[in-house]
Amino acid sequence: MTDQKPTEDELNALDITDAEAAEMNAIAHPLLADPAPDANDDLVQIDATADGVVFVTINRPQKKNAFDAATIAALYEAFETLQGADRVRVVFIRGAGGTFSAGADLNWMRDAADWSESDNRDDAMGLAKMLKALHDVPALTVALVEGAAMGGGAGIVAACDMAVAVEGARFAFSEVKLGLIPATIAPYVIEAVGARRARQLFLTANIFDADYAAHAGLIDMVLPEGSVDEFISMLTDSLSANAPGAMGDAKRLVNDVAGEDIDHRLLEETAKRIARARVSAEGQEGVRAFLDKRAPSWAQ
């Protein structure tokens, strides 16, 4: 987080009022000059640009960005905030210090071993809700994996829309080695890699590299060492031509249509959505700009 005062354009990038900003808790809004009283920048940092690029960084490098209940709560608040963000096209998620996330914090696991089943269920719901909040962010979410993404850390990778990893990165779903199961992350991992591959990864608990992660479908691309910034620039440049609202609607379209029967109800629903898009402000501007052979307002 920077100590510089944000510009007017930056304040408008997430389109919130001062009153709404004051109500945000657990972490500071990325574009506020002064953090909320209970903000915890030590656990999660958010940086945003005026053109709709956001970075969410897990900031526990001394713990290899392993997460505990407090870190999960901070991530949940970050993703909840971004669900209501305006003009955000892409959210990059990464870990500080060259490691994405080592998974669960050992002290947190030690404490949980003495809790009741009910207490553990309540605690696990925190992780489940955080992953769902990440999954529901309207913008394109991209995991930038450096070092390692283990257990729940790999679950965060699976819950993103897109993931890349630097050569040498390692992954594992090692829960069964501890007599546990990767329950809360399972829906996202299965969606990413398929049921058969998930069974293999969950039951062997083997460590695998970035190349195998790409082969399995957990990540989309393996990046050469030192090329993360180049990838970020390439992706953000390509997204600058896209209408932010339409991107969110397209993401919701995929979530709502996936797995549905192609029946009359679905035909009607998809027809309604494209009709709504055509008469929307973005749809009108985009089509008119195309016909006038000019850039639309969001790409200028």
Protein backbone atom coordinates (compact mmCIF):
# COMPACT_ATOMS: atom_id res chain seq x y z
CA MET A 1 0.00 0.00 0.00
CA THR A 2 1.28 3.44 -0.81
CA ASP A 3 1.19 6.51 1.39
CA GLN A 4 0.48 8.72 -1.63
CA LYS A 5 -2.92 10.38 -1.79
CA PRO A 6 -5.03 8.75 -4.55
CA THR A 7 -6.10 10.74 -7.57
CA GLU A 8 -9.76 11.42 -8.40
CA ASP A 9 -9.60 8.85 -11.21
CA GLU A 10 -8.27 6.25 -8.78
CA LEU A 11 -11.01 6.97 -6.27
CA ASN A 12 -13.58 6.50 -9.01
CA ALA A 13 -12.04 3.21 -10.14
CA LEU A 14 -14.00 1.27 -7.52
CA ASP A 15 -16.88 3.77 -7.35
CA ILE A 16 -17.72 3.89 -3.64
CA THR A 17 -18.96 6.70 -1.44
CA ASP A 18 -17.11 7.92 1.64
CA ALA A 19 -19.86 6.43 3.82
CA GLU A 20 -19.53 3.04 2.17
CA ALA A 21 -15.77 3.16 2.51
CA ALA A 22 -16.03 3.89 6.24
CA GLU A 23 -18.12 0.76 6.74
CA MET A 24 -15.57 -1.58 5.16
CA ASN A 25 -13.79 -3.70 7.74
CA ALA A 26 -11.00 -6.24 8.18
CA ILE A 27 -8.86 -4.63 5.45
CA ALA A 28 -8.54 -1.14 4.06
CA HIS A 29 -10.15 -0.33 0.75
CA PRO A 30 -7.30 -0.23 -1.78
CA LEU A 31 -7.93 3.34 -2.79
CA LEU A 32 -8.61 5.04 0.54
CA ALA A 33 -6.16 7.60 1.86
CA ASP A 34 -6.75 6.44 5.44
CA PRO A 35 -7.31 2.77 6.37
CA ALA A 36 -10.29 1.61 8.36
CA PRO A 37 -9.58 1.38 12.12
CA ASP A 38 -9.52 -2.44 12.07
CA ALA A 39 -7.56 -2.73 8.81
CA ASN A 40 -4.84 -5.37 8.72
CA ASP A 41 -2.35 -4.51 6.00
CA ASP A 42 0.13 -6.94 7.52
CA LEU A 43 -1.86 -9.91 6.20
CA VAL A 44 -3.28 -8.80 2.85
CA GLN A 45 -2.33 -5.88 0.66
CA ILE A 46 -4.45 -4.43 -2.14
CA ASP A 47 -3.11 -2.13 -4.82
CA ALA A 48 -5.21 -0.75 -7.67
CA THR A 49 -4.70 1.41 -10.72
CA ALA A 50 -7.07 3.90 -12.31
CA ASP A 51 -7.49 1.69 -15.38
CA GLY A 52 -9.02 -1.21 -13.44
CA VAL A 53 -6.06 -3.43 -12.52
CA VAL A 54 -5.99 -4.75 -8.94
CA PHE A 55 -3.32 -6.74 -7.09
CA VAL A 56 -4.23 -8.75 -3.99
CA THR A 57 -1.11 -9.93 -2.17
CA ILE A 58 -0.98 -12.43 0.69
CA ASN A 59 1.60 -10.76 2.89
CA ARG A 60 3.09 -13.29 5.32
CA PRO A 61 6.45 -13.93 3.64
CA GLN A 62 8.04 -15.04 6.90
CA LYS A 63 5.47 -17.87 7.00
CA LYS A 64 5.68 -18.62 3.26
CA ASN A 65 2.24 -16.97 3.05
CA ALA A 66 0.59 -19.83 4.93
CA PHE A 67 -2.85 -18.77 6.04
CA ASP A 68 -4.69 -18.85 9.34
CA ALA A 69 -8.16 -17.69 10.30
CA ALA A 70 -7.14 -14.02 10.32
CA THR A 71 -5.53 -14.20 6.87
CA ILE A 72 -8.56 -16.00 5.47
CA ALA A 73 -10.83 -13.32 6.93
CA ALA A 74 -8.71 -10.57 5.36
CA LEU A 75 -8.81 -12.30 1.96
CA TYR A 76 -12.58 -12.74 2.27
CA GLU A 77 -13.04 -9.03 2.92
CA ALA A 78 -10.80 -8.19 -0.05
CA PHE A 79 -12.81 -10.37 -2.42
CA GLU A 80 -16.13 -9.16 -1.02
CA THR A 81 -15.00 -5.57 -1.61
CA LEU A 82 -14.03 -6.38 -5.19
CA GLN A 83 -17.43 -7.93 -5.91
CA GLY A 84 -18.92 -4.46 -5.70
CA ALA A 85 -16.06 -2.76 -7.55
CA ASP A 86 -16.76 -0.74 -10.65
CA ARG A 87 -14.48 -0.55 -13.72
CA VAL A 88 -12.17 -3.33 -12.49
CA ARG A 89 -11.15 -5.65 -15.32
CA VAL A 90 -8.57 -7.94 -13.72
CA VAL A 91 -7.51 -9.00 -10.22
CA PHE A 92 -4.07 -10.57 -9.83
CA ILE A 93 -3.51 -12.71 -6.74
CA ARG A 94 0.01 -13.47 -5.56
CA GLY A 95 2.11 -14.10 -2.48
CA ALA A 96 4.78 -11.79 -1.09
CA GLY A 97 8.41 -12.82 -1.02
CA GLY A 98 8.45 -15.27 -3.91
CA THR A 99 6.05 -17.92 -2.56
CA PHE A 100 2.36 -18.06 -3.45
CA SER A 101 1.18 -19.95 -0.33
CA ALA A 102 2.41 -22.89 1.71
CA GLY A 103 -1.19 -23.72 2.67
CA ALA A 104 -2.39 -23.92 6.26
CA ASP A 105 -0.35 -22.33 9.04
CA LEU A 106 1.06 -24.96 11.43
CA ASN A 107 -0.03 -23.09 14.58
CA TRP A 108 -3.55 -22.80 13.19
CA MET A 109 -3.58 -26.54 12.49
CA ARG A 110 -2.26 -27.26 15.97
CA ASP A 111 -5.06 -25.23 17.55
CA ALA A 112 -7.72 -26.88 15.37
CA ALA A 113 -6.65 -30.32 16.54
CA ASP A 114 -8.07 -29.50 19.99
CA TRP A 115 -11.36 -28.04 18.76
CA SER A 116 -14.71 -29.80 18.67
CA GLU A 117 -16.24 -30.94 15.38
CA SER A 118 -18.67 -28.03 15.58
CA ASP A 119 -15.86 -25.52 16.11
CA ASN A 120 -13.92 -27.02 13.21
CA ARG A 121 -16.99 -26.80 10.98
CA ASP A 122 -17.40 -23.10 11.78
CA ASP A 123 -13.70 -22.52 11.14
CA ALA A 124 -13.78 -24.39 7.82
CA MET A 125 -16.73 -22.29 6.70
CA GLY A 126 -14.41 -19.29 6.81
CA LEU A 127 -12.20 -20.83 4.13
CA ALA A 128 -15.20 -22.03 2.15
CA LYS A 129 -16.75 -18.54 2.14
CA MET A 130 -13.43 -16.93 1.19
CA LEU A 131 -13.03 -19.23 -1.83
CA LYS A 132 -16.62 -18.58 -2.90
CA ALA A 133 -16.06 -14.82 -2.60
CA LEU A 134 -13.00 -15.16 -4.84
CA HIS A 135 -14.94 -17.29 -7.32
CA ASP A 136 -17.69 -14.64 -7.48
CA VAL A 137 -15.48 -11.60 -8.16
CA PRO A 138 -16.89 -10.22 -11.45
CA ALA A 139 -13.50 -9.31 -12.90
CA LEU A 140 -11.05 -11.79 -14.40
CA THR A 141 -9.10 -13.31 -11.50
CA VAL A 142 -5.56 -14.48 -12.19
CA ALA A 143 -3.29 -16.43 -9.82
CA LEU A 144 0.42 -15.62 -10.21
CA VAL A 145 2.20 -18.62 -8.71
CA GLU A 146 5.80 -18.31 -7.65
CA GLY A 147 7.63 -20.79 -5.44
CA ALA A 148 4.88 -23.07 -4.19
CA ALA A 149 1.11 -23.39 -3.88
CA MET A 150 0.31 -26.16 -1.44
CA GLY A 151 -2.99 -27.49 -0.11
CA GLY A 152 -5.38 -24.60 0.36
CA GLY A 153 -2.96 -22.37 -1.52
CA ALA A 154 -3.45 -24.57 -4.58
CA GLY A 155 -7.18 -24.32 -3.87
CA ILE A 156 -6.98 -20.54 -4.28
CA VAL A 157 -5.24 -21.13 -7.62
CA ALA A 158 -8.10 -23.41 -8.72
CA ALA A 159 -10.75 -20.88 -7.64
CA CYS A 160 -9.29 -18.23 -9.97
CA ASP A 161 -10.44 -17.87 -13.58
CA MET A 162 -6.88 -18.15 -14.83
CA ALA A 163 -3.54 -19.17 -13.36
CA VAL A 164 0.07 -19.00 -14.42
CA ALA A 165 3.16 -20.32 -12.67
CA VAL A 166 6.85 -19.55 -12.92
CA GLU A 167 9.18 -22.39 -13.86
CA GLY A 168 10.19 -24.27 -10.73
CA ALA A 169 6.89 -23.70 -8.93
CA ARG A 170 5.56 -26.70 -6.99
CA PHE A 171 2.06 -27.80 -6.08
CA ALA A 172 0.49 -30.46 -3.86
CA PHE A 173 -2.80 -31.52 -2.31
CA SER A 174 -1.20 -33.25 0.66
CA GLU A 175 -4.16 -33.39 3.07
CA VAL A 176 -4.45 -37.21 3.13
CA LYS A 177 -0.87 -37.43 4.45
CA LEU A 178 -2.25 -35.76 7.58
CA GLY A 179 -5.37 -37.91 7.74
CA LEU A 180 -7.45 -35.04 6.35
CA ILE A 181 -9.26 -34.32 3.06
CA PRO A 182 -9.21 -31.24 0.76
CA ALA A 183 -12.92 -30.67 1.29
CA THR A 184 -13.51 -26.92 0.98
CA ILE A 185 -11.23 -26.53 -2.04
CA ALA A 186 -12.64 -29.61 -3.82
CA PRO A 187 -15.38 -27.87 -5.89
CA TYR A 188 -12.85 -25.54 -7.50
CA VAL A 189 -10.13 -28.13 -8.05
CA ILE A 190 -12.63 -30.56 -9.61
CA GLU A 191 -13.96 -27.80 -11.86
CA ALA A 192 -10.40 -26.99 -12.94
CA VAL A 193 -8.93 -30.46 -13.51
CA GLY A 194 -11.92 -32.82 -13.70
CA ALA A 195 -13.04 -35.58 -11.33
CA ARG A 196 -10.63 -38.28 -12.50
CA ARG A 197 -7.54 -36.06 -12.22
CA ALA A 198 -8.74 -34.73 -8.86
CA ARG A 199 -8.97 -38.26 -7.50
CA GLN A 200 -5.39 -38.91 -8.59
CA LEU A 201 -4.05 -35.65 -7.13
CA PHE A 202 -5.99 -35.92 -3.86
CA LEU A 203 -5.27 -39.60 -3.20
CA THR A 204 -1.58 -39.68 -4.13
CA ALA A 205 -0.85 -36.34 -2.40
CA ASN A 206 2.27 -36.11 -4.55
CA ILE A 207 4.18 -32.89 -5.14
CA PHE A 208 4.08 -31.88 -8.81
CA ASP A 209 5.75 -29.17 -10.86
CA ALA A 210 4.40 -26.34 -13.01
CA ASP A 211 4.58 -28.38 -16.21
CA TYR A 212 2.39 -31.10 -14.72
CA ALA A 213 0.04 -28.48 -13.25
CA ALA A 214 -0.43 -27.13 -16.78
CA HIS A 215 -0.93 -30.64 -18.15
CA ALA A 216 -3.55 -31.32 -15.46
CA GLY A 217 -5.40 -28.05 -16.10
CA LEU A 218 -4.68 -26.44 -12.74
CA ILE A 219 -2.74 -23.62 -14.42
CA ASP A 220 -2.91 -22.22 -17.94
CA MET A 221 0.69 -21.29 -18.65
CA VAL A 222 4.25 -21.80 -17.39
CA LEU A 223 6.29 -18.59 -17.41
CA PRO A 224 10.07 -18.35 -17.70
CA GLU A 225 11.85 -17.02 -14.63
CA GLY A 226 11.72 -13.23 -14.52
CA SER A 227 8.83 -12.82 -16.97
CA VAL A 228 5.93 -12.20 -14.54
CA ASP A 229 5.90 -8.43 -15.11
CA GLU A 230 5.93 -8.95 -18.87
CA PHE A 231 2.96 -11.31 -18.60
CA ILE A 232 1.06 -8.82 -16.44
CA SER A 233 1.66 -6.03 -18.96
CA MET A 234 0.65 -8.22 -21.89
CA LEU A 235 -2.60 -9.33 -20.25
CA THR A 236 -3.61 -5.92 -18.92
CA ASP A 237 -2.94 -4.32 -22.31
CA SER A 238 -5.13 -6.90 -24.05
CA LEU A 239 -7.96 -6.38 -21.55
CA SER A 240 -7.97 -2.60 -21.93
CA ALA A 241 -10.16 -2.93 -25.04
CA ASN A 242 -12.84 -4.88 -23.15
CA ALA A 243 -15.90 -3.34 -21.50
CA PRO A 244 -15.64 -3.99 -17.74
CA GLY A 245 -19.38 -4.50 -17.24
CA ALA A 246 -19.61 -6.92 -20.15
CA MET A 247 -16.68 -8.89 -18.73
CA GLY A 248 -18.56 -9.36 -15.46
CA ASP A 249 -21.74 -10.33 -17.29
CA ALA A 250 -19.82 -12.82 -19.45
CA LYS A 251 -18.33 -14.42 -16.34
CA ARG A 252 -21.75 -14.74 -14.71
CA LEU A 253 -23.03 -16.23 -17.97
CA VAL A 254 -20.46 -19.03 -17.81
CA ASN A 255 -21.21 -19.72 -14.13
CA ASP A 256 -24.97 -19.84 -14.76
CA VAL A 257 -24.89 -21.89 -17.98
CA ALA A 258 -22.23 -24.48 -17.09
CA GLY A 259 -23.80 -27.90 -16.57
CA GLU A 260 -27.32 -26.80 -17.50
CA ASP A 261 -29.49 -28.71 -19.94
CA ILE A 262 -29.79 -26.97 -23.31
CA ASP A 263 -33.57 -26.75 -23.13
CA HIS A 264 -36.16 -24.09 -23.92
CA ARG A 265 -35.66 -22.40 -20.55
CA LEU A 266 -31.95 -21.96 -21.25
CA LEU A 267 -32.61 -20.70 -24.77
CA GLU A 268 -34.96 -18.05 -23.39
CA GLU A 269 -32.55 -17.06 -20.65
CA THR A 270 -29.58 -16.61 -23.00
CA ALA A 271 -31.77 -14.66 -25.47
CA LYS A 272 -32.83 -12.34 -22.63
CA ARG A 273 -29.24 -11.74 -21.63
CA ILE A 274 -27.99 -10.77 -25.09
CA ALA A 275 -31.04 -8.54 -25.58
CA ARG A 276 -30.29 -6.81 -22.28
CA ALA A 277 -26.64 -6.39 -23.31
CA ARG A 278 -27.61 -4.88 -26.67
CA VAL A 279 -29.67 -2.10 -25.08
CA SER A 280 -27.23 -1.47 -22.20
CA ALA A 281 -25.02 1.64 -22.14
CA GLU A 282 -21.92 -0.45 -22.86
CA GLY A 283 -23.62 -2.40 -25.63
CA GLN A 284 -24.86 0.75 -27.34
CA GLU A 285 -21.48 2.47 -27.05
CA GLY A 286 -19.54 -0.59 -28.21
CA VAL A 287 -21.62 -1.24 -31.31
CA ARG A 288 -21.77 2.44 -32.29
CA ALA A 289 -18.00 2.76 -31.83
CA PHE A 290 -17.45 -0.28 -34.04
CA LEU A 291 -19.71 1.12 -36.76
CA ASP A 292 -18.05 4.55 -36.48
CA LYS A 293 -14.59 2.94 -36.68
CA ARG A 294 -13.46 4.48 -33.38
CA ALA A 295 -12.40 3.19 -29.99
CA PRO A 296 -15.19 2.83 -27.40
CA SER A 297 -15.12 5.13 -24.38
CA TRP A 298 -13.66 2.49 -22.04
CA ALA A 299 -10.67 1.90 -24.35
CA GLN A 300 -9.65 5.54 -24.75
